[in-house]
């Protein structure tokens, strides 16, 4: 079937284009042990732009996208955040992005495979119609559809279930690893049994938390940590002025503290972080996409003994001096996925949130007329909003 859409390709000049693209109904597997199923034809309604899209566009310009293309194709229809209309079922749905021949999509192993709609080996949402696995079309809560149309504010929130679910997974991982990492110290410190010590360690790992970078993912994880751990201290570190709209909203939403990075050196920044926290960090979360993260944490000592370093940035390399690393007992984790239960919880939490306030819309015609220009000059420009989305099919939105 030929539809209109945007797609990535390996091309130095035009890695992202809009035009005719052929979509096919490929049988896919949601999880290992389940049957392969043909997709259901859906119509994308509201789609969000993700930093991953920007990275894929850069990879295409460098000719490095081949492994991401669907089998037999030389391009990838992008878009992995959004809500679709399912004509055959007369309902709206959120697309569960990740599936494949794996037992747990948060951790696939060497003999397992995966796909991600709009990201890896499977076409995504930025087109007029698309096929999606029937069991990966998640239901939306009741009360947000009126006369066959989606509430606009709700639709804007539904560009976030993918990154919000990622952050629910990050929270789960840090709780699990923090508890396992430090419970033996807590057993001796508090003279308690293992179960109680694991509970204490799970809380204390967030005592002094640095979130380095303040995009939507950084804000989401700060929000989730403070919702789940009332005694946690969370410090956002970024370059934006404290009175900027982005920072003001993030602090109001989360209750976290903020440190603007205006320092001349990384050593000065690290010292300021420690002072703001009242001690070296117990957890350091890197979401800025810059190489500054690991140097501040390890080389300049912002991350304290027995602390964990959560690498959520794509691109930077992490290095550390093995002598202090070993003796200070640091733990580094890196994992960027989520399960269906994370996604379903994210949908419910977002529906009850105010996160639509940080989503700005770009006109579809403006975007499709010059997709690359829209990415560079508006969606990911210096003055870009925290989140940009597009109403792909206005007949379904109030």
Protein backbone atom coordinates (compact mmCIF):
# COMPACT_ATOMS: atom_id res chain seq x y z
CA UNK A 1 0.00 0.00 0.00
CA UNK A 2 1.30 3.47 -0.90
CA UNK A 3 0.76 6.24 1.69
CA UNK A 4 2.19 9.66 2.38
CA UNK A 5 4.71 9.90 5.17
CA UNK A 6 8.17 10.87 6.34
CA UNK A 7 11.03 8.40 6.35
CA UNK A 8 14.74 8.19 7.09
CA UNK A 9 17.27 7.03 4.53
CA UNK A 10 21.03 6.90 4.11
CA UNK A 11 21.65 10.15 2.27
CA UNK A 12 24.19 12.84 3.08
CA UNK A 13 21.93 15.64 1.86
CA UNK A 14 18.40 14.35 2.54
CA UNK A 15 18.37 11.79 5.36
CA UNK A 16 14.71 12.67 6.09
CA UNK A 17 12.10 13.20 3.38
CA UNK A 18 8.32 13.39 2.99
CA UNK A 19 6.52 11.69 0.14
CA UNK A 20 5.07 8.42 -1.12
CA UNK A 21 6.15 5.39 0.87
CA UNK A 22 5.09 1.75 0.58
CA UNK A 23 3.93 0.08 3.79
CA UNK A 24 3.51 -3.68 4.17
CA UNK A 25 1.67 -5.87 6.64
CA UNK A 26 4.47 -7.86 8.28
CA UNK A 27 3.65 -10.63 10.75
CA UNK A 28 5.23 -9.82 14.09
CA UNK A 29 5.63 -11.37 17.53
CA UNK A 30 4.93 -9.40 20.69
CA UNK A 31 6.87 -11.71 23.05
CA UNK A 32 8.74 -15.00 22.86
CA UNK A 33 6.38 -17.97 22.89
CA UNK A 34 3.52 -16.01 21.32
CA UNK A 35 2.29 -16.51 17.77
CA UNK A 36 3.18 -14.27 14.87
CA UNK A 37 0.25 -12.02 14.00
CA UNK A 38 -0.55 -9.76 11.08
CA UNK A 39 -0.96 -6.09 11.85
CA UNK A 40 -4.15 -4.05 11.96
CA UNK A 41 -4.39 -1.00 9.72
CA UNK A 42 -4.48 2.19 11.80
CA UNK A 43 -4.53 5.93 11.18
CA UNK A 44 -2.03 8.00 13.21
CA UNK A 45 -3.72 10.95 14.93
CA UNK A 46 -1.23 12.81 17.16
CA UNK A 47 2.53 12.15 16.98
CA UNK A 48 5.36 13.46 19.12
CA UNK A 49 8.93 14.22 18.07
CA UNK A 50 11.65 12.50 20.07
CA UNK A 51 15.37 13.14 20.39
CA UNK A 52 15.88 9.65 18.98
CA UNK A 53 14.39 10.91 15.70
CA UNK A 54 17.00 13.64 15.61
CA UNK A 55 19.78 11.12 16.25
CA UNK A 56 18.46 8.80 13.50
CA UNK A 57 18.43 11.71 11.06
CA UNK A 58 22.08 12.37 11.89
CA UNK A 59 22.92 8.68 11.43
CA UNK A 60 21.21 8.73 8.03
CA UNK A 61 23.32 11.69 6.93
CA UNK A 62 26.38 9.63 7.83
CA UNK A 63 25.12 6.50 6.03
CA UNK A 64 24.80 4.45 9.22
CA UNK A 65 21.11 3.52 9.26
CA UNK A 66 21.21 0.21 7.40
CA UNK A 67 20.75 -1.96 10.48
CA UNK A 68 17.65 0.02 11.47
CA UNK A 69 15.71 -0.52 8.24
CA UNK A 70 12.85 -3.05 8.06
CA UNK A 71 13.85 -6.24 6.28
CA UNK A 72 13.99 -5.75 2.52
CA UNK A 73 13.66 -1.94 2.77
CA UNK A 74 16.16 0.87 2.30
CA UNK A 75 14.30 3.34 4.53
CA UNK A 76 12.52 3.61 7.88
CA UNK A 77 9.23 5.42 8.48
CA UNK A 78 9.93 7.26 11.73
CA UNK A 79 7.73 8.16 14.70
CA UNK A 80 7.26 6.13 17.87
CA UNK A 81 5.28 8.41 20.19
CA UNK A 82 1.59 8.92 19.66
CA UNK A 83 -2.00 7.88 19.45
CA UNK A 84 -3.80 6.19 16.55
CA UNK A 85 -7.35 5.50 15.37
CA UNK A 86 -8.19 1.82 14.81
CA UNK A 87 -11.02 1.81 12.20
CA UNK A 88 -11.77 -1.92 12.42
CA UNK A 89 -12.32 -1.64 16.19
CA UNK A 90 -13.83 1.87 16.26
CA UNK A 91 -11.45 3.05 18.98
CA UNK A 92 -8.29 5.01 19.72
CA UNK A 93 -5.12 3.30 20.91
CA UNK A 94 -1.58 3.96 22.10
CA UNK A 95 1.00 1.94 20.19
CA UNK A 96 3.22 -0.27 22.36
CA UNK A 97 6.46 0.33 20.51
CA UNK A 98 8.75 -2.52 21.51
CA UNK A 99 8.25 -6.23 20.81
CA UNK A 100 10.01 -9.23 19.36
CA UNK A 101 11.30 -12.71 20.07
CA UNK A 102 12.28 -12.05 23.68
CA UNK A 103 10.88 -13.04 27.07
CA UNK A 104 11.27 -9.56 28.54
CA UNK A 105 11.61 -6.51 26.28
CA UNK A 106 13.61 -4.71 28.97
CA UNK A 107 16.43 -7.23 28.58
CA UNK A 108 16.85 -9.16 25.36
CA UNK A 109 19.74 -11.63 25.19
CA UNK A 110 22.10 -12.78 22.48
CA UNK A 111 19.72 -15.40 21.08
CA UNK A 112 16.71 -13.04 21.12
CA UNK A 113 15.58 -10.35 18.70
CA UNK A 114 13.51 -7.21 19.01
CA UNK A 115 11.84 -4.51 16.93
CA UNK A 116 10.67 -1.00 17.70
CA UNK A 117 8.06 0.75 15.60
CA UNK A 118 9.60 3.87 14.10
CA UNK A 119 13.05 3.17 15.54
CA UNK A 120 14.41 -0.22 14.65
CA UNK A 121 13.39 -2.77 11.98
CA UNK A 122 9.72 -1.69 11.90
CA UNK A 123 7.98 1.31 10.32
CA UNK A 124 6.43 3.89 12.63
CA UNK A 125 3.71 6.50 12.93
CA UNK A 126 4.66 9.42 10.68
CA UNK A 127 2.41 8.37 7.81
CA UNK A 128 -1.27 8.44 6.86
CA UNK A 129 -1.83 4.73 7.60
CA UNK A 130 0.23 2.00 9.19
CA UNK A 131 0.00 -1.63 10.33
CA UNK A 132 0.49 -2.46 14.01
CA UNK A 133 0.39 -5.73 15.94
CA UNK A 134 -3.18 -6.14 17.31
CA UNK A 135 -1.99 -6.92 20.86
CA UNK A 136 0.25 -3.84 20.87
CA UNK A 137 -2.60 -1.36 20.51
CA UNK A 138 -3.16 -0.35 24.11
CA UNK A 139 -6.50 1.01 25.25
CA UNK A 140 -6.94 4.55 26.50
CA UNK A 141 -8.86 5.42 29.69
CA UNK A 142 -12.55 6.25 29.48
CA UNK A 143 -13.80 9.82 29.37
CA UNK A 144 -11.49 11.42 26.80
CA UNK A 145 -13.48 10.86 23.62
CA UNK A 146 -16.44 13.10 22.78
CA UNK A 147 -18.56 12.62 19.67
CA UNK A 148 -15.88 10.42 18.16
CA UNK A 149 -13.08 12.94 18.75
CA UNK A 150 -10.21 13.00 21.20
CA UNK A 151 -9.94 15.69 23.82
CA UNK A 152 -7.04 17.83 22.59
CA UNK A 153 -5.30 18.18 25.96
CA UNK A 154 -5.48 14.42 26.48
CA UNK A 155 -4.13 13.75 22.99
CA UNK A 156 -1.14 16.01 23.71
CA UNK A 157 -0.36 14.00 26.85
CA UNK A 158 -0.41 10.80 24.83
CA UNK A 159 2.82 11.66 23.04
CA UNK A 160 4.56 10.86 26.35
CA UNK A 161 3.73 7.22 27.30
CA UNK A 162 6.89 5.94 25.59
CA UNK A 163 9.42 8.17 27.46
CA UNK A 164 7.36 8.09 30.67
CA UNK A 165 7.30 4.28 30.56
CA UNK A 166 11.07 4.36 30.03
CA UNK A 167 11.38 6.39 33.22
CA UNK A 168 9.13 4.00 35.16
CA UNK A 169 11.56 1.29 34.12
CA UNK A 170 14.52 3.44 35.16
CA UNK A 171 12.96 3.95 38.58
CA UNK A 172 12.40 0.21 38.93
CA UNK A 173 16.01 -0.52 37.92
CA UNK A 174 17.51 2.02 40.32
CA UNK A 175 15.37 0.73 43.19
CA UNK A 176 16.33 -2.88 42.47
CA UNK A 177 20.03 -2.19 42.02
CA UNK A 178 20.29 0.35 44.82
CA UNK A 179 18.73 -2.08 47.24
CA UNK A 180 20.97 -4.96 46.17
CA UNK A 181 24.06 -2.74 46.09
CA UNK A 182 23.90 -1.44 49.65
CA UNK A 183 21.66 -3.68 51.79
CA UNK A 184 24.59 -5.42 53.52
CA UNK A 185 25.90 -2.05 54.73
CA UNK A 186 22.40 -1.23 56.01
CA UNK A 187 22.17 -4.56 57.88
CA UNK A 188 25.22 -3.62 59.91
CA UNK A 189 24.46 0.08 60.21
CA UNK A 190 20.89 -0.38 61.42
CA UNK A 191 21.33 -3.85 63.00
CA UNK A 192 18.35 -5.26 61.12
CA UNK A 193 17.50 -8.31 59.02
CA UNK A 194 18.03 -8.53 55.26
CA UNK A 195 14.46 -7.70 54.24
CA UNK A 196 14.42 -4.51 56.31
CA UNK A 197 17.91 -3.57 55.12
CA UNK A 198 16.88 -3.92 51.48
CA UNK A 199 13.92 -1.61 52.10
CA UNK A 200 16.18 0.99 53.73
CA UNK A 201 18.79 0.78 50.96
CA UNK A 202 16.08 1.20 48.34
CA UNK A 203 15.13 4.51 49.97
CA UNK A 204 18.61 5.77 50.77
CA UNK A 205 19.92 5.39 47.23
CA UNK A 206 17.87 8.51 46.39
CA UNK A 207 18.99 10.56 49.40
CA UNK A 208 21.03 12.88 47.17
CA UNK A 209 20.10 12.51 43.51
CA UNK A 210 21.58 14.48 40.61
CA UNK A 211 19.68 14.61 37.30
CA UNK A 212 22.17 16.03 34.83
CA UNK A 213 20.10 17.54 32.01
CA UNK A 214 16.56 18.87 31.95
CA UNK A 215 14.60 17.61 29.01
CA UNK A 216 11.36 15.68 29.32
CA UNK A 217 13.07 12.44 30.36
CA UNK A 218 14.99 14.19 33.11
CA UNK A 219 11.85 15.88 34.36
CA UNK A 220 9.87 12.62 34.26
CA UNK A 221 12.40 10.66 36.30
CA UNK A 222 12.66 13.48 38.83
CA UNK A 223 8.88 13.50 39.14
CA UNK A 224 8.70 9.72 39.61
CA UNK A 225 11.50 9.56 42.17
CA UNK A 226 9.88 12.24 44.33
CA UNK A 227 6.44 10.66 44.03
CA UNK A 228 7.80 7.30 45.21
CA UNK A 229 10.43 8.45 47.71
CA UNK A 230 9.17 11.35 49.78
CA UNK A 231 12.46 11.89 51.62
CA UNK A 232 14.58 12.00 48.47
CA UNK A 233 16.52 15.12 47.54
CA UNK A 234 16.61 15.69 43.79
CA UNK A 235 18.76 18.30 42.06
CA UNK A 236 18.34 19.15 38.37
CA UNK A 237 21.49 20.49 36.70
CA UNK A 238 21.20 22.26 33.34
CA UNK A 239 22.15 25.44 31.49
CA UNK A 240 18.71 27.07 31.25
CA UNK A 241 18.03 30.12 33.44
CA UNK A 242 16.06 29.30 36.56
CA UNK A 243 13.29 31.71 35.55
CA UNK A 244 12.84 30.10 32.12
CA UNK A 245 9.47 28.52 31.38
CA UNK A 246 11.00 25.04 31.18
CA UNK A 247 12.72 25.17 34.55
CA UNK A 248 9.79 26.91 36.26
CA UNK A 249 7.39 24.20 35.10
CA UNK A 250 9.75 21.36 36.01
CA UNK A 251 10.30 22.63 39.55
CA UNK A 252 6.60 23.23 40.07
CA UNK A 253 5.75 19.77 38.74
CA UNK A 254 8.36 17.84 40.70
CA UNK A 255 9.33 19.85 43.78
CA UNK A 256 13.01 19.30 42.96
CA UNK A 257 15.85 21.82 43.41
CA UNK A 258 17.76 23.40 40.53
CA UNK A 259 21.37 24.38 39.81
CA UNK A 260 22.12 26.40 36.68
CA UNK A 261 25.42 25.46 35.10
CA UNK A 262 27.15 28.79 34.56
CA UNK A 263 30.52 27.62 35.88
CA UNK A 264 33.83 28.13 34.13
CA UNK A 265 35.07 24.63 34.88
CA UNK A 266 33.71 21.15 35.49
CA UNK A 267 35.50 21.05 38.83
CA UNK A 268 33.62 24.15 39.97
CA UNK A 269 30.35 22.65 38.78
CA UNK A 270 30.99 19.42 40.68
CA UNK A 271 31.79 21.37 43.85
CA UNK A 272 28.56 23.36 43.48
CA UNK A 273 26.55 20.16 43.04
CA UNK A 274 27.98 18.67 46.24
CA UNK A 275 27.26 21.89 48.14
CA UNK A 276 23.69 22.06 46.84
CA UNK A 277 23.04 18.44 47.84
CA UNK A 278 24.73 18.69 51.22
CA UNK A 279 27.12 15.90 50.28
CA UNK A 280 28.27 13.80 47.34
CA UNK A 281 25.49 12.24 45.29
CA UNK A 282 24.08 8.82 46.11
CA UNK A 283 22.66 8.61 42.56
CA UNK A 284 23.77 10.42 39.43
CA UNK A 285 21.48 10.25 36.36
CA UNK A 286 22.94 11.43 33.06
CA UNK A 287 20.32 12.60 30.56
CA UNK A 288 22.06 15.58 28.93
CA UNK A 289 23.63 13.72 26.01
CA UNK A 290 26.99 15.36 26.74
CA UNK A 291 30.38 14.00 27.78
CA UNK A 292 30.39 16.40 30.72
CA UNK A 293 28.18 14.00 32.68
CA UNK A 294 30.69 11.28 33.46
CA UNK A 295 33.58 13.67 34.10
CA UNK A 296 31.57 15.60 36.69
CA UNK A 297 30.45 12.37 38.35
CA UNK A 298 33.72 10.43 38.36
CA UNK A 299 36.73 12.64 37.61
CA UNK A 300 35.52 15.54 39.74
CA UNK A 301 33.84 13.49 42.45
CA UNK A 302 30.19 14.54 42.39
CA UNK A 303 29.18 10.87 42.80
CA UNK A 304 29.86 9.56 46.30
CA UNK A 305 31.00 6.21 47.64
CA UNK A 306 28.59 3.32 47.07
CA UNK A 307 26.64 5.49 44.64
CA UNK A 308 25.05 4.45 41.35
CA UNK A 309 25.48 6.10 37.95
CA UNK A 310 22.52 5.75 35.59
CA UNK A 311 23.55 6.40 32.00
CA UNK A 312 20.44 7.32 30.01
CA UNK A 313 22.15 9.48 27.38
CA UNK A 314 22.71 8.14 23.87
CA UNK A 315 26.08 9.04 22.39
CA UNK A 316 28.51 9.98 25.19
CA UNK A 317 31.33 7.63 26.16
CA UNK A 318 31.86 6.90 29.85
CA UNK A 319 35.38 6.70 31.27
CA UNK A 320 36.63 6.44 34.83
CA UNK A 321 39.83 5.93 36.76
CA UNK A 322 39.75 2.32 37.96
CA UNK A 323 41.52 3.05 41.25
CA UNK A 324 38.89 5.35 42.86
CA UNK A 325 36.12 3.58 40.92
CA UNK A 326 36.89 0.29 42.60
CA UNK A 327 37.56 1.61 46.08
CA UNK A 328 34.55 3.93 46.07
CA UNK A 329 32.36 1.00 45.00
CA UNK A 330 30.47 2.75 42.21
CA UNK A 331 27.80 0.94 40.23
CA UNK A 332 27.08 1.91 36.60
CA UNK A 333 23.85 0.91 34.89
CA UNK A 334 22.56 1.49 31.39
CA UNK A 335 19.26 0.25 29.99
CA UNK A 336 16.69 1.96 27.81
CA UNK A 337 13.52 -0.07 27.44
CA UNK A 338 10.17 -0.77 29.08
CA UNK A 339 7.50 -3.44 29.45
CA UNK A 340 3.83 -3.29 28.56
CA UNK A 341 2.88 -2.83 32.22
CA UNK A 342 5.13 0.24 32.34
CA UNK A 343 3.37 1.64 29.28
CA UNK A 344 -0.10 0.98 30.68
CA UNK A 345 0.79 2.62 33.98
CA UNK A 346 2.29 5.57 32.10
CA UNK A 347 -0.92 6.09 30.12
CA UNK A 348 -2.98 6.25 33.30
CA UNK A 349 -0.59 8.55 35.16
CA UNK A 350 -0.24 10.90 32.20
CA UNK A 351 -4.00 11.11 31.69
CA UNK A 352 -4.26 12.54 35.20
CA UNK A 353 -1.31 14.93 34.76
CA UNK A 354 -0.79 18.46 33.44
CA UNK A 355 1.96 17.48 31.01
CA UNK A 356 -0.05 18.73 28.04
CA UNK A 357 1.09 22.20 29.13
CA UNK A 358 4.62 21.59 27.84
CA UNK A 359 3.59 20.30 24.39
CA UNK A 360 3.55 22.76 21.50
CA UNK A 361 2.08 21.86 18.13
CA UNK A 362 3.66 22.33 14.74
CA UNK A 363 1.37 22.62 11.74
CA UNK A 364 1.43 19.44 9.67
CA UNK A 365 1.79 21.31 6.37
CA UNK A 366 4.72 23.29 7.76
CA UNK A 367 6.42 20.09 8.88
CA UNK A 368 5.83 18.05 5.72
CA UNK A 369 6.89 20.94 3.44
CA UNK A 370 10.41 20.81 4.91
CA UNK A 371 10.87 18.06 7.52
CA UNK A 372 14.61 18.57 7.96
CA UNK A 373 14.18 22.33 8.27
CA UNK A 374 11.47 21.83 10.87
CA UNK A 375 13.76 19.59 12.92
CA UNK A 376 16.73 21.93 12.75
CA UNK A 377 15.01 25.30 13.01
CA UNK A 378 12.03 24.65 15.26
CA UNK A 379 11.66 21.23 16.89
CA UNK A 380 15.28 20.94 18.05
CA UNK A 381 16.44 24.53 17.79
CA UNK A 382 18.01 26.43 20.68
CA UNK A 383 14.64 27.96 21.54
CA UNK A 384 12.61 24.80 21.03
CA UNK A 385 9.83 23.91 23.48
CA UNK A 386 10.26 20.96 25.82
CA UNK A 387 8.10 18.88 23.49
CA UNK A 388 6.76 19.31 19.98
CA UNK A 389 3.96 17.27 18.42
CA UNK A 390 1.87 17.33 15.28
CA UNK A 391 -1.81 16.59 14.72
CA UNK A 392 -1.47 14.23 11.78
CA UNK A 393 -5.19 13.68 11.31
CA UNK A 394 -7.25 16.64 12.61
CA UNK A 395 -10.62 15.00 12.00
CA UNK A 396 -10.07 12.90 15.11
CA UNK A 397 -9.15 15.73 17.51
CA UNK A 398 -11.44 18.28 19.16
